[in-house]
Amino acid sequence: MMTNRPFCNVRFCMLLLGAVVSMLGLVQGAGAEYPDKPIRGIVPFAPGGANDVMARVISPYITRQLGQTVIVENRPGANGHIGIEATAKSKPDGYTILYSATASTVLPAVTKNMRYDPIKDIQPVAEIGQGPYAVYINPKLPVNSLKELVEYARKNPGKLNAGAGGVSGTRLAVELFKIQNNLQLEIISYNGNGPTATAVVGGVVDMAIMDVSAFVGHLQSGRVKALALAGEKRLPSLPDVPTTAEAGFPDLRAGAIFGVYVAAGTPNPILQKLNATVNGIIVMPEVTEQLRKLGAEPNPKTVEQFSALIRKEIETWRDVVAKAKLPMEEY
């Protein structure tokens, strides 16, 4: 009896090893076969907005590259929560993808009692592009650089004001600017970027930190000045506007980060395939041109790099909201 035990143990181990190898093969095979049916592409806002336009630019290329149709589905409501939650609670198989930008990083900072966990339930996959905000001022201000603006604000505490679109990315960007430079600056809220841009151009407010698209026409006419771009690199559309890092303020980074997300738990082979697909698409000359027209600069990243960036953004804005003591919304 004793002589048979080692043989049985060895035989058992070999069978177990074979089973594990077979299972690994099935998993790898499943990842390699993805996708074999249409993909749902959720946009958490109504048609016509930046997220929607971005999704409709990218989706046909994903369809072409993967051989399966990406059906864009608008799921607006609750400032983007409904669409994001639908993704978070979808099956983690890569057949539901989310196109999202600021909502994915700002909502977790300004919302309490969320019905999904923005870190544990959502998996960042690929960055489509970054639409950095710029620091704009009305030309009546006697400053020509970001450094001069900060110095002017310090010499005139409480006299400057800034426009912002409610408790949004633009509001948090101004709050970050205030906190980093210890400034006394009044913030005036408007219902969206359009009215905010109009207020800056009209001199109703002195400045704003917002996306480039809202001010393109005004910059060309000289009715507003752009002092610095709060992104990683200069934009081809604003070649003479330095980045905040070049202007001496490297920590002032803000803007929309357009990306693709899936439900957490999606197999890594699928994440990598989606990531490689999107990265290949956004560097196509015709796609790059379309993204730049939308105010976004393509910036390919690995799954790991994009995930780290999004986690960092969420923590940054949570910290800003806490320090500025901004009101939290319920969802």
C-alpha atoms as a PDB file:
ATOM      1  CA  MET A   1       0.000   0.000   0.000  1.00  0.00           C
ATOM      2  CA  MET A   2       2.788   2.417   0.849  1.00  0.00           C
ATOM      3  CA  THR A   3       4.443   1.960  -2.540  1.00  0.00           C
ATOM      4  CA  ASN A   4       1.292   3.065  -4.395  1.00  0.00           C
ATOM      5  CA  ARG A   5       0.830   6.421  -2.611  1.00  0.00           C
ATOM      6  CA  PRO A   6       3.655   8.325  -4.316  1.00  0.00           C
ATOM      7  CA  PHE A   7       2.430   7.052  -7.707  1.00  0.00           C
ATOM      8  CA  CYS A   8      -1.123   8.176  -6.925  1.00  0.00           C
ATOM      9  CA  ASN A   9       0.080  11.577  -5.738  1.00  0.00           C
ATOM     10  CA  VAL A  10       2.164  12.083  -8.851  1.00  0.00           C
ATOM     11  CA  ARG A  11      -0.705  10.979 -11.061  1.00  0.00           C
ATOM     12  CA  PHE A  12      -3.103  13.324  -9.266  1.00  0.00           C
ATOM     13  CA  CYS A  13      -0.693  16.241  -9.631  1.00  0.00           C
ATOM     14  CA  MET A  14      -0.263  15.566 -13.332  1.00  0.00           C
ATOM     15  CA  LEU A  15      -4.011  15.475 -13.850  1.00  0.00           C
ATOM     16  CA  LEU A  16      -4.418  18.693 -11.860  1.00  0.00           C
ATOM     17  CA  LEU A  17      -1.667  20.400 -13.852  1.00  0.00           C
ATOM     18  CA  GLY A  18      -3.307  19.334 -17.093  1.00  0.00           C
ATOM     19  CA  ALA A  19      -6.634  20.737 -15.955  1.00  0.00           C
ATOM     20  CA  VAL A  20      -5.045  24.076 -15.013  1.00  0.00           C
ATOM     21  CA  VAL A  21      -3.253  24.306 -18.360  1.00  0.00           C
ATOM     22  CA  SER A  22      -6.522  23.564 -20.167  1.00  0.00           C
ATOM     23  CA  MET A  23      -8.346  26.252 -18.210  1.00  0.00           C
ATOM     24  CA  LEU A  24      -5.641  28.796 -18.980  1.00  0.00           C
ATOM     25  CA  GLY A  25      -5.917  27.882 -22.625  1.00  0.00           C
ATOM     26  CA  LEU A  26      -9.656  28.460 -22.537  1.00  0.00           C
ATOM     27  CA  VAL A  27      -9.226  31.873 -20.906  1.00  0.00           C
ATOM     28  CA  GLN A  28      -6.601  32.916 -23.429  1.00  0.00           C
ATOM     29  CA  GLY A  29      -8.760  31.598 -26.229  1.00  0.00           C
ATOM     30  CA  ALA A  30     -11.741  33.575 -24.971  1.00  0.00           C
ATOM     31  CA  GLY A  31      -9.669  36.764 -24.923  1.00  0.00           C
ATOM     32  CA  ALA A  32      -8.361  36.079 -28.437  1.00  0.00           C
ATOM     33  CA  GLU A  33     -11.892  35.535 -29.810  1.00  0.00           C
ATOM     34  CA  TYR A  34     -13.229  38.801 -28.415  1.00  0.00           C
ATOM     35  CA  PRO A  35     -15.425  40.274 -29.747  1.00  0.00           C
ATOM     36  CA  ASP A  36     -17.876  37.900 -31.386  1.00  0.00           C
ATOM     37  CA  LYS A  37     -20.989  40.073 -31.069  1.00  0.00           C
ATOM     38  CA  PRO A  38     -21.879  43.826 -31.130  1.00  0.00           C
ATOM     39  CA  ILE A  39     -20.512  46.125 -28.427  1.00  0.00           C
ATOM     40  CA  ARG A  40     -22.611  48.669 -26.570  1.00  0.00           C
ATOM     41  CA  GLY A  41     -20.903  52.064 -26.244  1.00  0.00           C
ATOM     42  CA  ILE A  42     -22.506  54.092 -23.448  1.00  0.00           C
ATOM     43  CA  VAL A  43     -22.338  57.886 -23.471  1.00  0.00           C
ATOM     44  CA  PRO A  44     -23.480  59.271 -20.082  1.00  0.00           C
ATOM     45  CA  PHE A  45     -24.843  62.488 -21.625  1.00  0.00           C
ATOM     46  CA  ALA A  46     -27.366  63.593 -24.222  1.00  0.00           C
ATOM     47  CA  PRO A  47     -26.518  63.654 -27.948  1.00  0.00           C
ATOM     48  CA  GLY A  48     -24.529  66.604 -29.253  1.00  0.00           C
ATOM     49  CA  GLY A  49     -22.152  67.155 -26.342  1.00  0.00           C
ATOM     50  CA  ALA A  50     -18.395  66.634 -26.362  1.00  0.00           C
ATOM     51  CA  ASN A  51     -18.632  63.083 -24.973  1.00  0.00           C
ATOM     52  CA  ASP A  52     -21.202  62.123 -27.583  1.00  0.00           C
ATOM     53  CA  VAL A  53     -19.257  63.608 -30.494  1.00  0.00           C
ATOM     54  CA  MET A  54     -16.060  61.910 -29.316  1.00  0.00           C
ATOM     55  CA  ALA A  55     -17.841  58.548 -29.096  1.00  0.00           C
ATOM     56  CA  ARG A  56     -19.241  58.896 -32.600  1.00  0.00           C
ATOM     57  CA  VAL A  57     -15.814  59.771 -33.985  1.00  0.00           C
ATOM     58  CA  ILE A  58     -14.112  56.749 -32.410  1.00  0.00           C
ATOM     59  CA  SER A  59     -16.832  54.065 -32.593  1.00  0.00           C
ATOM     60  CA  PRO A  60     -16.771  53.488 -36.377  1.00  0.00           C
ATOM     61  CA  TYR A  61     -13.019  52.908 -36.211  1.00  0.00           C
ATOM     62  CA  ILE A  62     -13.379  50.402 -33.359  1.00  0.00           C
ATOM     63  CA  THR A  63     -16.068  48.670 -35.421  1.00  0.00           C
ATOM     64  CA  ARG A  64     -13.699  48.484 -38.371  1.00  0.00           C
ATOM     65  CA  GLN A  65     -10.744  47.266 -36.347  1.00  0.00           C
ATOM     66  CA  LEU A  66     -12.575  44.638 -34.264  1.00  0.00           C
ATOM     67  CA  GLY A  67     -15.079  43.494 -36.864  1.00  0.00           C
ATOM     68  CA  GLN A  68     -18.100  44.045 -34.614  1.00  0.00           C
ATOM     69  CA  THR A  69     -20.468  47.018 -34.550  1.00  0.00           C
ATOM     70  CA  VAL A  70     -20.179  49.456 -31.662  1.00  0.00           C
ATOM     71  CA  ILE A  71     -23.694  50.738 -30.992  1.00  0.00           C
ATOM     72  CA  VAL A  72     -23.569  54.153 -29.315  1.00  0.00           C
ATOM     73  CA  GLU A  73     -26.216  54.473 -26.625  1.00  0.00           C
ATOM     74  CA  ASN A  74     -26.890  57.770 -24.846  1.00  0.00           C
ATOM     75  CA  ARG A  75     -27.760  57.271 -21.177  1.00  0.00           C
ATOM     76  CA  PRO A  76     -28.043  60.833 -19.825  1.00  0.00           C
ATOM     77  CA  GLY A  77     -29.137  61.883 -16.357  1.00  0.00           C
ATOM     78  CA  ALA A  78     -27.851  62.815 -12.902  1.00  0.00           C
ATOM     79  CA  ASN A  79     -24.853  64.701 -14.356  1.00  0.00           C
ATOM     80  CA  GLY A  80     -23.513  61.500 -15.897  1.00  0.00           C
ATOM     81  CA  HIS A  81     -24.091  59.101 -13.001  1.00  0.00           C
ATOM     82  CA  ILE A  82     -26.750  57.019 -14.764  1.00  0.00           C
ATOM     83  CA  GLY A  83     -24.577  56.073 -17.713  1.00  0.00           C
ATOM     84  CA  ILE A  84     -21.522  55.419 -15.586  1.00  0.00           C
ATOM     85  CA  GLU A  85     -23.513  53.293 -13.134  1.00  0.00           C
ATOM     86  CA  ALA A  86     -24.940  51.273 -16.024  1.00  0.00           C
ATOM     87  CA  THR A  87     -21.386  50.468 -17.072  1.00  0.00           C
ATOM     88  CA  ALA A  88     -20.269  49.698 -13.521  1.00  0.00           C
ATOM     89  CA  LYS A  89     -23.099  47.183 -13.123  1.00  0.00           C
ATOM     90  CA  SER A  90     -22.759  45.613 -16.571  1.00  0.00           C
ATOM     91  CA  LYS A  91     -21.297  42.163 -17.165  1.00  0.00           C
ATOM     92  CA  PRO A  92     -17.460  42.415 -17.113  1.00  0.00           C
ATOM     93  CA  ASP A  93     -16.965  40.923 -20.551  1.00  0.00           C
ATOM     94  CA  GLY A  94     -15.958  43.909 -22.690  1.00  0.00           C
ATOM     95  CA  TYR A  95     -19.297  44.128 -24.492  1.00  0.00           C
ATOM     96  CA  THR A  96     -20.288  47.304 -22.651  1.00  0.00           C
ATOM     97  CA  ILE A  97     -17.826  50.174 -22.919  1.00  0.00           C
ATOM     98  CA  LEU A  98     -18.139  53.683 -21.542  1.00  0.00           C
ATOM     99  CA  TYR A  99     -17.067  56.882 -23.263  1.00  0.00           C
ATOM    100  CA  SER A 100     -16.475  59.448 -20.544  1.00  0.00           C
ATOM    101  CA  ALA A 101     -14.387  62.479 -19.665  1.00  0.00           C
ATOM    102  CA  THR A 102     -14.635  64.868 -16.714  1.00  0.00           C
ATOM    103  CA  ALA A 103     -17.615  63.041 -15.201  1.00  0.00           C
ATOM    104  CA  SER A 104     -15.439  60.035 -14.343  1.00  0.00           C
ATOM    105  CA  THR A 105     -13.015  62.089 -12.259  1.00  0.00           C
ATOM    106  CA  VAL A 106     -15.105  64.990 -10.932  1.00  0.00           C
ATOM    107  CA  LEU A 107     -18.336  63.211  -9.932  1.00  0.00           C
ATOM    108  CA  PRO A 108     -16.586  61.013  -7.330  1.00  0.00           C
ATOM    109  CA  ALA A 109     -15.227  64.193  -5.734  1.00  0.00           C
ATOM    110  CA  VAL A 110     -18.497  66.112  -5.514  1.00  0.00           C
ATOM    111  CA  THR A 111     -20.948  63.270  -4.812  1.00  0.00           C
ATOM    112  CA  LYS A 112     -21.760  61.481  -1.581  1.00  0.00           C
ATOM    113  CA  ASN A 113     -23.592  58.180  -1.130  1.00  0.00           C
ATOM    114  CA  MET A 114     -22.800  57.011  -4.662  1.00  0.00           C
ATOM    115  CA  ARG A 115     -24.526  53.829  -5.837  1.00  0.00           C
ATOM    116  CA  TYR A 116     -21.317  52.528  -7.394  1.00  0.00           C
ATOM    117  CA  ASP A 117     -17.647  52.698  -6.440  1.00  0.00           C
ATOM    118  CA  PRO A 118     -15.686  54.766  -9.000  1.00  0.00           C
ATOM    119  CA  ILE A 119     -12.489  52.896  -8.140  1.00  0.00           C
ATOM    120  CA  LYS A 120     -13.640  49.322  -7.495  1.00  0.00           C
ATOM    121  CA  ASP A 121     -16.459  49.090 -10.063  1.00  0.00           C
ATOM    122  CA  ILE A 122     -15.000  50.932 -13.061  1.00  0.00           C
ATOM    123  CA  GLN A 123     -11.882  49.910 -15.011  1.00  0.00           C
ATOM    124  CA  PRO A 124     -10.114  52.566 -17.128  1.00  0.00           C
ATOM    125  CA  VAL A 125      -9.018  51.064 -20.451  1.00  0.00           C
ATOM    126  CA  ALA A 126      -7.611  53.646 -22.843  1.00  0.00           C
ATOM    127  CA  GLU A 127      -7.160  57.380 -23.134  1.00  0.00           C
ATOM    128  CA  ILE A 128      -8.633  58.919 -26.279  1.00  0.00           C
ATOM    129  CA  GLY A 129      -7.276  62.400 -25.733  1.00  0.00           C
ATOM    130  CA  GLN A 130      -6.882  65.264 -23.335  1.00  0.00           C
ATOM    131  CA  GLY A 131      -8.697  68.562 -23.641  1.00  0.00           C
ATOM    132  CA  PRO A 132      -6.678  70.727 -21.261  1.00  0.00           C
ATOM    133  CA  TYR A 133      -8.169  73.832 -19.744  1.00  0.00           C
ATOM    134  CA  ALA A 134      -6.467  77.170 -20.233  1.00  0.00           C
ATOM    135  CA  VAL A 135      -6.257  80.176 -17.927  1.00  0.00           C
ATOM    136  CA  TYR A 136      -8.147  83.035 -19.604  1.00  0.00           C
ATOM    137  CA  ILE A 137      -8.410  86.670 -18.604  1.00  0.00           C
ATOM    138  CA  ASN A 138     -10.246  89.711 -19.847  1.00  0.00           C
ATOM    139  CA  PRO A 139      -7.730  92.021 -21.601  1.00  0.00           C
ATOM    140  CA  LYS A 140      -8.512  94.858 -19.192  1.00  0.00           C
ATOM    141  CA  LEU A 141      -6.382  93.129 -16.561  1.00  0.00           C
ATOM    142  CA  PRO A 142      -2.832  94.585 -16.617  1.00  0.00           C
ATOM    143  CA  VAL A 143      -1.082  91.204 -16.809  1.00  0.00           C
ATOM    144  CA  ASN A 144       0.509  89.200 -19.621  1.00  0.00           C
ATOM    145  CA  SER A 145       1.560  85.955 -17.945  1.00  0.00           C
ATOM    146  CA  LEU A 146       0.377  83.490 -15.344  1.00  0.00           C
ATOM    147  CA  LYS A 147       3.076  84.664 -12.948  1.00  0.00           C
ATOM    148  CA  GLU A 148       1.919  88.254 -13.309  1.00  0.00           C
ATOM    149  CA  LEU A 149      -1.695  87.180 -12.700  1.00  0.00           C
ATOM    150  CA  VAL A 150      -0.746  85.470  -9.437  1.00  0.00           C
ATOM    151  CA  GLU A 151       1.286  88.479  -8.317  1.00  0.00           C
ATOM    152  CA  TYR A 152      -1.568  90.828  -9.206  1.00  0.00           C
ATOM    153  CA  ALA A 153      -4.059  88.708  -7.262  1.00  0.00           C
ATOM    154  CA  ARG A 154      -1.790  88.696  -4.215  1.00  0.00           C
ATOM    155  CA  LYS A 155      -1.374  92.468  -4.323  1.00  0.00           C
ATOM    156  CA  ASN A 156      -5.127  92.932  -4.697  1.00  0.00           C
ATOM    157  CA  PRO A 157      -6.681  90.312  -2.368  1.00  0.00           C
ATOM    158  CA  GLY A 158     -10.390  89.815  -2.895  1.00  0.00           C
ATOM    159  CA  LYS A 159     -10.621  92.148  -5.893  1.00  0.00           C
ATOM    160  CA  LEU A 160     -10.405  89.581  -8.646  1.00  0.00           C
ATOM    161  CA  ASN A 161     -13.224  87.220  -9.561  1.00  0.00           C
ATOM    162  CA  ALA A 162     -13.492  84.152 -11.745  1.00  0.00           C
ATOM    163  CA  GLY A 163     -16.345  82.588 -13.642  1.00  0.00           C
ATOM    164  CA  ALA A 164     -17.112  78.866 -13.414  1.00  0.00           C
ATOM    165  CA  GLY A 165     -19.879  76.483 -14.416  1.00  0.00           C
ATOM    166  CA  GLY A 166     -21.359  75.516 -11.040  1.00  0.00           C
ATOM    167  CA  VAL A 167     -19.681  72.721  -9.057  1.00  0.00           C
ATOM    168  CA  SER A 168     -17.937  71.311 -12.112  1.00  0.00           C
ATOM    169  CA  GLY A 169     -14.474  70.712 -13.508  1.00  0.00           C
ATOM    170  CA  THR A 170     -14.104  74.412 -14.269  1.00  0.00           C
ATOM    171  CA  ARG A 171     -15.044  75.330 -10.694  1.00  0.00           C
ATOM    172  CA  LEU A 172     -12.623  72.799  -9.246  1.00  0.00           C
ATOM    173  CA  ALA A 173      -9.848  74.096 -11.525  1.00  0.00           C
ATOM    174  CA  VAL A 174     -10.258  77.608 -10.122  1.00  0.00           C
ATOM    175  CA  GLU A 175     -10.384  76.239  -6.583  1.00  0.00           C
ATOM    176  CA  LEU A 176      -7.141  74.344  -7.262  1.00  0.00           C
ATOM    177  CA  PHE A 177      -5.549  77.555  -8.576  1.00  0.00           C
ATOM    178  CA  LYS A 178      -6.632  79.401  -5.413  1.00  0.00           C
ATOM    179  CA  ILE A 179      -5.381  76.686  -3.044  1.00  0.00           C
ATOM    180  CA  GLN A 180      -2.008  76.221  -4.732  1.00  0.00           C
ATOM    181  CA  ASN A 181      -1.242  79.948  -4.723  1.00  0.00           C
ATOM    182  CA  ASN A 182      -3.041  80.926  -1.505  1.00  0.00           C
ATOM    183  CA  LEU A 183      -5.236  83.496  -3.263  1.00  0.00           C
ATOM    184  CA  GLN A 184      -8.368  85.341  -2.236  1.00  0.00           C
ATOM    185  CA  LEU A 185     -10.496  85.082  -5.341  1.00  0.00           C
ATOM    186  CA  GLU A 186     -14.274  85.271  -5.622  1.00  0.00           C
ATOM    187  CA  ILE A 187     -15.892  82.619  -7.806  1.00  0.00           C
ATOM    188  CA  ILE A 188     -19.112  83.458  -9.667  1.00  0.00           C
ATOM    189  CA  SER A 189     -21.139  80.466 -10.857  1.00  0.00           C
ATOM    190  CA  TYR A 190     -22.819  80.249 -14.239  1.00  0.00           C
ATOM    191  CA  ASN A 191     -25.020  77.639 -15.859  1.00  0.00           C
ATOM    192  CA  GLY A 192     -22.443  76.144 -18.197  1.00  0.00           C
ATOM    193  CA  ASN A 193     -19.364  77.089 -20.177  1.00  0.00           C
ATOM    194  CA  GLY A 194     -21.128  79.290 -22.713  1.00  0.00           C
ATOM    195  CA  PRO A 195     -22.399  81.879 -20.212  1.00  0.00           C
ATOM    196  CA  THR A 196     -19.044  81.742 -18.377  1.00  0.00           C
ATOM    197  CA  ALA A 197     -17.113  82.518 -21.557  1.00  0.00           C
ATOM    198  CA  THR A 198     -19.504  85.380 -22.338  1.00  0.00           C
ATOM    199  CA  ALA A 199     -18.923  86.823 -18.868  1.00  0.00           C
ATOM    200  CA  VAL A 200     -15.130  86.793 -19.308  1.00  0.00           C
ATOM    201  CA  VAL A 201     -15.297  88.367 -22.762  1.00  0.00           C
ATOM    202  CA  GLY A 202     -17.710  91.038 -21.517  1.00  0.00           C
ATOM    203  CA  GLY A 203     -15.581  91.884 -18.506  1.00  0.00           C
ATOM    204  CA  VAL A 204     -18.270  90.800 -16.039  1.00  0.00           C
ATOM    205  CA  VAL A 205     -15.661  88.488 -14.523  1.00  0.00           C
ATOM    206  CA  ASP A 206     -11.886  88.824 -14.705  1.00  0.00           C
ATOM    207  CA  MET A 207     -10.876  85.267 -15.518  1.00  0.00           C
ATOM    208  CA  ALA A 208     -11.803  81.633 -15.962  1.00  0.00           C
ATOM    209  CA  ILE A 209     -10.068  78.271 -16.285  1.00  0.00           C
ATOM    210  CA  MET A 210     -11.902  76.396 -18.993  1.00  0.00           C
ATOM    211  CA  ASP A 211     -11.657  74.283 -22.121  1.00  0.00           C
ATOM    212  CA  VAL A 212     -10.165  75.789 -25.259  1.00  0.00           C
ATOM    213  CA  SER A 213     -13.192  75.309 -27.513  1.00  0.00           C
ATOM    214  CA  ALA A 214     -15.254  77.859 -25.583  1.00  0.00           C
ATOM    215  CA  PHE A 215     -12.844  80.680 -26.423  1.00  0.00           C
ATOM    216  CA  VAL A 216     -11.376  79.934 -29.876  1.00  0.00           C
ATOM    217  CA  GLY A 217     -13.219  82.743 -31.687  1.00  0.00           C
ATOM    218  CA  HIS A 218     -12.642  85.209 -28.864  1.00  0.00           C
ATOM    219  CA  LEU A 219      -8.898  84.517 -28.805  1.00  0.00           C
ATOM    220  CA  GLN A 220      -8.582  85.295 -32.491  1.00  0.00           C
ATOM    221  CA  SER A 221     -10.424  88.597 -32.056  1.00  0.00           C
ATOM    222  CA  GLY A 222      -8.345  89.619 -29.046  1.00  0.00           C
ATOM    223  CA  ARG A 223     -11.360  89.890 -26.761  1.00  0.00           C
ATOM    224  CA  VAL A 224      -9.752  87.473 -24.325  1.00  0.00           C
ATOM    225  CA  LYS A 225      -6.197  86.424 -23.436  1.00  0.00           C
ATOM    226  CA  ALA A 226      -4.957  82.877 -22.816  1.00  0.00           C
ATOM    227  CA  LEU A 227      -2.083  82.932 -20.323  1.00  0.00           C
ATOM    228  CA  ALA A 228      -1.265  79.233 -19.959  1.00  0.00           C
ATOM    229  CA  LEU A 229      -2.480  75.770 -20.855  1.00  0.00           C
ATOM    230  CA  ALA A 230      -3.063  73.382 -17.928  1.00  0.00           C
ATOM    231  CA  GLY A 231      -2.038  70.257 -19.838  1.00  0.00           C
ATOM    232  CA  GLU A 232       0.952  68.034 -20.570  1.00  0.00           C
ATOM    233  CA  LYS A 233       2.019  69.818 -23.749  1.00  0.00           C
ATOM    234  CA  ARG A 234       1.176  72.762 -25.988  1.00  0.00           C
ATOM    235  CA  LEU A 235      -1.703  72.507 -28.418  1.00  0.00           C
ATOM    236  CA  PRO A 236      -1.148  72.908 -32.157  1.00  0.00           C
ATOM    237  CA  SER A 237      -4.154  75.267 -32.160  1.00  0.00           C
ATOM    238  CA  LEU A 238      -2.469  77.500 -29.541  1.00  0.00           C
ATOM    239  CA  PRO A 239       1.240  77.180 -30.337  1.00  0.00           C
ATOM    240  CA  ASP A 240       2.197  80.424 -28.582  1.00  0.00           C
ATOM    241  CA  VAL A 241       0.422  79.627 -25.305  1.00  0.00           C
ATOM    242  CA  PRO A 242       2.828  77.986 -22.820  1.00  0.00           C
ATOM    243  CA  THR A 243       1.865  75.118 -20.563  1.00  0.00           C
ATOM    244  CA  THR A 244       1.447  75.846 -16.874  1.00  0.00           C
ATOM    245  CA  ALA A 245       4.695  73.943 -16.291  1.00  0.00           C
ATOM    246  CA  GLU A 246       6.515  76.205 -18.724  1.00  0.00           C
ATOM    247  CA  ALA A 247       4.941  79.196 -16.985  1.00  0.00           C
ATOM    248  CA  GLY A 248       6.344  78.080 -13.628  1.00  0.00           C
ATOM    249  CA  PHE A 249       3.254  76.363 -12.209  1.00  0.00           C
ATOM    250  CA  PRO A 250       3.733  72.629 -12.939  1.00  0.00           C
ATOM    251  CA  ASP A 251       1.120  71.464 -10.407  1.00  0.00           C
ATOM    252  CA  LEU A 252      -1.727  73.384 -12.016  1.00  0.00           C
ATOM    253  CA  ARG A 253      -3.152  70.662 -14.250  1.00  0.00           C
ATOM    254  CA  ALA A 254      -6.808  70.528 -15.218  1.00  0.00           C
ATOM    255  CA  GLY A 255      -9.015  69.593 -18.124  1.00  0.00           C
ATOM    256  CA  ALA A 256     -11.092  66.885 -19.697  1.00  0.00           C
ATOM    257  CA  ILE A 257      -9.535  63.452 -20.115  1.00  0.00           C
ATOM    258  CA  PHE A 258     -11.583  61.561 -22.692  1.00  0.00           C
ATOM    259  CA  GLY A 259     -11.326  57.823 -22.325  1.00  0.00           C
ATOM    260  CA  VAL A 260     -12.818  54.374 -22.659  1.00  0.00           C
ATOM    261  CA  TYR A 261     -13.856  52.367 -19.583  1.00  0.00           C
ATOM    262  CA  VAL A 262     -15.413  48.981 -18.825  1.00  0.00           C
ATOM    263  CA  ALA A 263     -16.770  47.214 -15.767  1.00  0.00           C
ATOM    264  CA  ALA A 264     -14.139  46.125 -13.248  1.00  0.00           C
ATOM    265  CA  GLY A 265     -13.266  42.462 -13.490  1.00  0.00           C
ATOM    266  CA  THR A 266     -13.096  42.393 -17.278  1.00  0.00           C
ATOM    267  CA  PRO A 267     -10.391  39.873 -18.290  1.00  0.00           C
ATOM    268  CA  ASN A 268      -6.978  41.374 -18.948  1.00  0.00           C
ATOM    269  CA  PRO A 269      -6.693  40.012 -22.534  1.00  0.00           C
ATOM    270  CA  ILE A 270      -9.819  41.990 -23.409  1.00  0.00           C
ATOM    271  CA  LEU A 271      -8.498  45.129 -21.696  1.00  0.00           C
ATOM    272  CA  GLN A 272      -5.254  44.863 -23.627  1.00  0.00           C
ATOM    273  CA  LYS A 273      -7.030  44.285 -26.933  1.00  0.00           C
ATOM    274  CA  LEU A 274      -9.309  47.298 -26.451  1.00  0.00           C
ATOM    275  CA  ASN A 275      -6.359  49.413 -25.328  1.00  0.00           C
ATOM    276  CA  ALA A 276      -4.252  48.500 -28.365  1.00  0.00           C
ATOM    277  CA  THR A 277      -7.217  49.128 -30.656  1.00  0.00           C
ATOM    278  CA  VAL A 278      -7.945  52.620 -29.303  1.00  0.00           C
ATOM    279  CA  ASN A 279      -4.251  53.547 -29.197  1.00  0.00           C
ATOM    280  CA  GLY A 280      -3.908  52.586 -32.840  1.00  0.00           C
ATOM    281  CA  ILE A 281      -6.997  54.545 -33.851  1.00  0.00           C
ATOM    282  CA  ILE A 282      -6.194  57.884 -32.190  1.00  0.00           C
ATOM    283  CA  VAL A 283      -2.833  58.223 -33.931  1.00  0.00           C
ATOM    284  CA  MET A 284      -4.371  57.826 -37.388  1.00  0.00           C
ATOM    285  CA  PRO A 285      -3.868  61.232 -39.082  1.00  0.00           C
ATOM    286  CA  GLU A 286      -7.547  61.692 -39.940  1.00  0.00           C
ATOM    287  CA  VAL A 287      -8.636  60.802 -36.391  1.00  0.00           C
ATOM    288  CA  THR A 288      -5.981  63.011 -34.808  1.00  0.00           C
ATOM    289  CA  GLU A 289      -7.269  65.889 -36.927  1.00  0.00           C
ATOM    290  CA  GLN A 290     -10.854  65.309 -35.804  1.00  0.00           C
ATOM    291  CA  LEU A 291      -9.846  65.098 -32.150  1.00  0.00           C
ATOM    292  CA  ARG A 292      -7.911  68.347 -32.370  1.00  0.00           C
ATOM    293  CA  LYS A 293     -10.934  70.086 -33.873  1.00  0.00           C
ATOM    294  CA  LEU A 294     -12.799  68.987 -30.742  1.00  0.00           C
ATOM    295  CA  GLY A 295     -10.089  70.505 -28.539  1.00  0.00           C
ATOM    296  CA  ALA A 296      -8.471  67.201 -27.573  1.00  0.00           C
ATOM    297  CA  GLU A 297      -4.898  66.108 -28.115  1.00  0.00           C
ATOM    298  CA  PRO A 298      -4.431  62.332 -28.611  1.00  0.00           C
ATOM    299  CA  ASN A 299      -2.172  60.830 -25.996  1.00  0.00           C
ATOM    300  CA  PRO A 300      -1.840  56.993 -26.106  1.00  0.00           C
ATOM    301  CA  LYS A 301      -1.306  55.243 -22.778  1.00  0.00           C
ATOM    302  CA  THR A 302      -1.184  51.677 -21.534  1.00  0.00           C
ATOM    303  CA  VAL A 303      -4.036  50.339 -19.423  1.00  0.00           C
ATOM    304  CA  GLU A 304      -1.835  50.713 -16.359  1.00  0.00           C
ATOM    305  CA  GLN A 305      -0.799  54.289 -17.168  1.00  0.00           C
ATOM    306  CA  PHE A 306      -4.347  55.408 -17.889  1.00  0.00           C
ATOM    307  CA  SER A 307      -5.678  53.712 -14.746  1.00  0.00           C
ATOM    308  CA  ALA A 308      -3.032  55.408 -12.595  1.00  0.00           C
ATOM    309  CA  LEU A 309      -3.854  58.800 -14.132  1.00  0.00           C
ATOM    310  CA  ILE A 310      -7.581  58.472 -13.494  1.00  0.00           C
ATOM    311  CA  ARG A 311      -7.052  57.313  -9.887  1.00  0.00           C
ATOM    312  CA  LYS A 312      -4.748  60.278  -9.308  1.00  0.00           C
ATOM    313  CA  GLU A 313      -7.275  62.702 -10.822  1.00  0.00           C
ATOM    314  CA  ILE A 314     -10.054  61.419  -8.575  1.00  0.00           C
ATOM    315  CA  GLU A 315      -7.912  61.852  -5.469  1.00  0.00           C
ATOM    316  CA  THR A 316      -6.771  65.329  -6.567  1.00  0.00           C
ATOM    317  CA  TRP A 317     -10.320  66.605  -6.969  1.00  0.00           C
ATOM    318  CA  ARG A 318     -11.489  64.957  -3.764  1.00  0.00           C
ATOM    319  CA  ASP A 319      -8.709  66.809  -1.953  1.00  0.00           C
ATOM    320  CA  VAL A 320      -9.685  70.110  -3.596  1.00  0.00           C
ATOM    321  CA  VAL A 321     -13.350  69.672  -2.671  1.00  0.00           C
ATOM    322  CA  ALA A 322     -12.419  68.913   0.942  1.00  0.00           C
ATOM    323  CA  LYS A 323     -10.034  71.876   1.268  1.00  0.00           C
ATOM    324  CA  ALA A 324     -12.427  74.290  -0.436  1.00  0.00           C
ATOM    325  CA  LYS A 325     -15.319  72.929   1.667  1.00  0.00           C
ATOM    326  CA  LEU A 326     -17.573  72.673  -1.358  1.00  0.00           C
ATOM    327  CA  PRO A 327     -21.098  71.232  -1.019  1.00  0.00           C
ATOM    328  CA  MET A 328     -21.529  67.560  -1.860  1.00  0.00           C
ATOM    329  CA  GLU A 329     -24.378  66.304  -4.031  1.00  0.00           C
ATOM    330  CA  GLU A 330     -26.479  63.191  -3.402  1.00  0.00           C
ATOM    331  CA  TYR A 331     -26.850  60.308  -5.824  1.00  0.00           C
END
